[in-house]
Amino acid sequence: MKCKNCGHEIDNVWGFCPHCGDFAGGLEDSFMNIARMFGGKVVIKQEGDSFVVVLEIQGTRQAFRVTPVDLDELSHSPLPEPPELEEPPHVTRRFSRTEEPETDVNFAGDNLYIRVTLADVPEENVEIDRLEESIEVRAYKGRTRFFKLIPVPREYQLVSKEFLPGEAFIVLKKK
């Protein structure tokens, strides 16, 4: 598509000329299609080198300004270096005992249901990981650590983890 204003080739999906910034109409079609999908309407007005897009969908109006920018100008400015992040100190937890929580494993059709009893352990202190051939459950309460490795067939994938007071429910589905 060629620019009506300067004659240069326009090769972007928005319909803006990268040389003079003139609008060739592609943007309007894009916004019109979006508005139609949601049962709304759109108005695009040119103000200097920018375009004001007013989008009305279900009685709610949103307006925003679109200003064409020459990408060649942007690419010559170097990107700033990201700041260096300090790693937080690793705190090793000390436990006086480790317990194995009570678990129930049930197969039902293509699903595998696991219930782990973790009395008075808050949800934020429970970690559940899917390993190659097992589910690993780690939980912490005071100076007690709970640990359970539950063997699971490889063809099952983790679908959900839910927490209720004192219990964790794990659902796996056959691939």
Foldseek 3Di string as FASTA:
>chain_A
DADPPPGDDDDDQCQADLPQLDRRCSVLVVLQVVLVVQVWGWDWDDDVSKIWIWTAGPNDIDIDIGHDHNVVVVVVDDDDDDDDDDDDDDDDAAAPEEEEWDKDWDDDVQKIKMKTFAAPFDPVQWDWDDDQFWIWIWGDDDRYIYIDTGGHHRQWDWDDWDDDHRMIMTMIGGD
